[in-house]
Amino acid sequence: MSKDSQTVIDEFQQNVNMTAKEMENWLKTDESKSVGQKDGNSESIGHESGRYIVDILQKKEANYTDDDISQMQRVVSYIKRHSAQKPSSDIEDSRWRYSLMNWGHDPLK
């Protein structure tokens, strides 16, 4: 695996702070399904990404595909970009937090 891929994996592991089980449980909630940009279907882009993140988290690093690495890069970019938009109000029950959680990052952890 190239250094670039390893860097992406490391950043993914640093930014995604929810376990596969936590994400599976979260993605079943109404709050999870209530946020995110819809891309022509009923499931938001973030919710769909969350399902893919669960798959990645359940794999061994040696089994990551190029598509997995690409998804990890998208996840890291989203988390960094969205985290910078933190609202000044309470975040515990915010759409901002819910959206980040769909991407595997709980800012309250």
Protein backbone atom coordinates (compact mmCIF):
# COMPACT_ATOMS: atom_id res chain seq x y z
CA MET A 1 0.00 0.00 0.00
CA SER A 2 1.38 3.39 -0.93
CA LYS A 3 2.25 6.07 1.59
CA ASP A 4 -0.63 8.18 0.29
CA SER A 5 -3.12 5.38 0.95
CA GLN A 6 -1.68 4.83 4.42
CA THR A 7 -2.02 8.54 5.17
CA VAL A 8 -5.68 8.42 4.14
CA ILE A 9 -6.25 5.36 6.33
CA ASP A 10 -4.55 7.04 9.30
CA GLU A 11 -6.63 10.21 8.88
CA PHE A 12 -9.81 8.13 8.55
CA GLN A 13 -9.01 6.28 11.77
CA GLN A 14 -8.29 9.57 13.56
CA ASN A 15 -11.50 11.27 12.41
CA VAL A 16 -14.03 8.43 12.52
CA ASN A 17 -14.59 8.03 16.25
CA MET A 18 -17.69 5.83 16.18
CA THR A 19 -17.54 2.04 16.11
CA ALA A 20 -19.32 -0.02 13.49
CA LYS A 21 -21.92 -1.04 16.09
CA GLU A 22 -22.48 2.57 17.22
CA MET A 23 -22.94 3.59 13.61
CA GLU A 24 -25.32 0.73 12.83
CA ASN A 25 -27.48 1.75 15.79
CA TRP A 26 -27.29 5.44 14.89
CA LEU A 27 -28.21 4.90 11.23
CA LYS A 28 -31.49 3.23 12.33
CA THR A 29 -32.69 6.38 14.13
CA ASP A 30 -35.13 8.96 12.81
CA GLU A 31 -32.56 11.66 13.65
CA SER A 32 -30.01 10.05 11.36
CA LYS A 33 -32.50 9.80 8.52
CA SER A 34 -33.71 13.39 9.01
CA VAL A 35 -30.50 15.15 7.95
CA GLY A 36 -28.38 15.44 4.86
CA GLN A 37 -28.62 16.29 1.22
CA LYS A 38 -30.78 13.97 -0.84
CA ASP A 39 -29.41 13.05 -4.26
CA GLY A 40 -32.61 12.19 -6.13
CA ASN A 41 -33.56 9.30 -3.87
CA SER A 42 -35.01 8.98 -0.40
CA GLU A 43 -31.68 8.34 1.36
CA SER A 44 -29.30 11.22 2.02
CA ILE A 45 -25.73 11.14 0.75
CA GLY A 46 -24.45 11.10 4.35
CA HIS A 47 -26.71 8.25 5.40
CA GLU A 48 -25.59 6.18 2.42
CA SER A 49 -21.98 7.04 3.26
CA GLY A 50 -22.59 5.91 6.82
CA ARG A 51 -23.60 2.45 5.63
CA TYR A 52 -20.37 2.26 3.59
CA ILE A 53 -18.34 3.41 6.61
CA VAL A 54 -19.80 0.53 8.64
CA ASP A 55 -18.60 -1.88 5.94
CA ILE A 56 -15.11 -0.33 6.01
CA LEU A 57 -14.93 -0.48 9.81
CA GLN A 58 -15.74 -4.18 9.71
CA LYS A 59 -12.86 -4.96 7.33
CA LYS A 60 -9.23 -5.66 8.07
CA GLU A 61 -6.88 -3.01 6.72
CA ALA A 62 -5.25 -5.54 4.39
CA ASN A 63 -8.62 -6.02 2.65
CA TYR A 64 -9.26 -2.35 1.82
CA THR A 65 -9.99 -1.72 -1.86
CA ASP A 66 -9.20 1.38 -3.92
CA ASP A 67 -12.89 2.29 -3.60
CA ASP A 68 -12.62 2.02 0.18
CA ILE A 69 -9.61 4.35 0.19
CA SER A 70 -11.49 6.84 -2.01
CA GLN A 71 -14.46 6.71 0.35
CA MET A 72 -12.17 7.22 3.34
CA GLN A 73 -10.78 10.35 1.70
CA ARG A 74 -14.32 11.67 1.10
CA VAL A 75 -15.19 10.95 4.73
CA VAL A 76 -12.13 12.76 6.09
CA SER A 77 -12.74 15.75 3.81
CA TYR A 78 -16.39 15.97 4.85
CA ILE A 79 -15.64 15.68 8.58
CA LYS A 80 -12.95 18.39 8.41
CA ARG A 81 -15.09 20.73 6.30
CA HIS A 82 -18.28 20.22 8.32
CA SER A 83 -16.50 20.42 11.70
CA ALA A 84 -15.30 23.90 10.77
CA GLN A 85 -18.96 25.00 10.54
CA LYS A 86 -19.70 24.30 14.21
CA PRO A 87 -22.70 26.32 15.37
CA SER A 88 -22.38 28.60 18.39
CA SER A 89 -25.51 27.15 19.99
CA ASP A 90 -25.92 23.85 21.83
CA ILE A 91 -24.81 21.03 19.54
CA GLU A 92 -26.10 17.93 21.36
CA ASP A 93 -29.41 17.76 19.47
CA SER A 94 -28.31 19.72 16.42
CA ARG A 95 -28.65 18.80 12.78
CA TRP A 96 -24.94 19.67 12.52
CA ARG A 97 -24.01 16.90 14.97
CA TYR A 98 -26.45 14.42 13.40
CA SER A 99 -24.92 15.03 9.99
CA LEU A 100 -21.39 14.45 11.30
CA MET A 101 -22.53 11.27 13.02
CA ASN A 102 -23.84 9.95 9.69
CA TRP A 103 -20.23 10.28 8.52
CA GLY A 104 -18.86 8.44 11.58
CA HIS A 105 -17.81 11.36 13.75
CA ASP A 106 -19.54 12.27 17.02
CA PRO A 107 -18.24 15.71 18.04
CA LEU A 108 -19.31 15.06 21.66
CA LYS A 109 -16.89 12.14 22.03
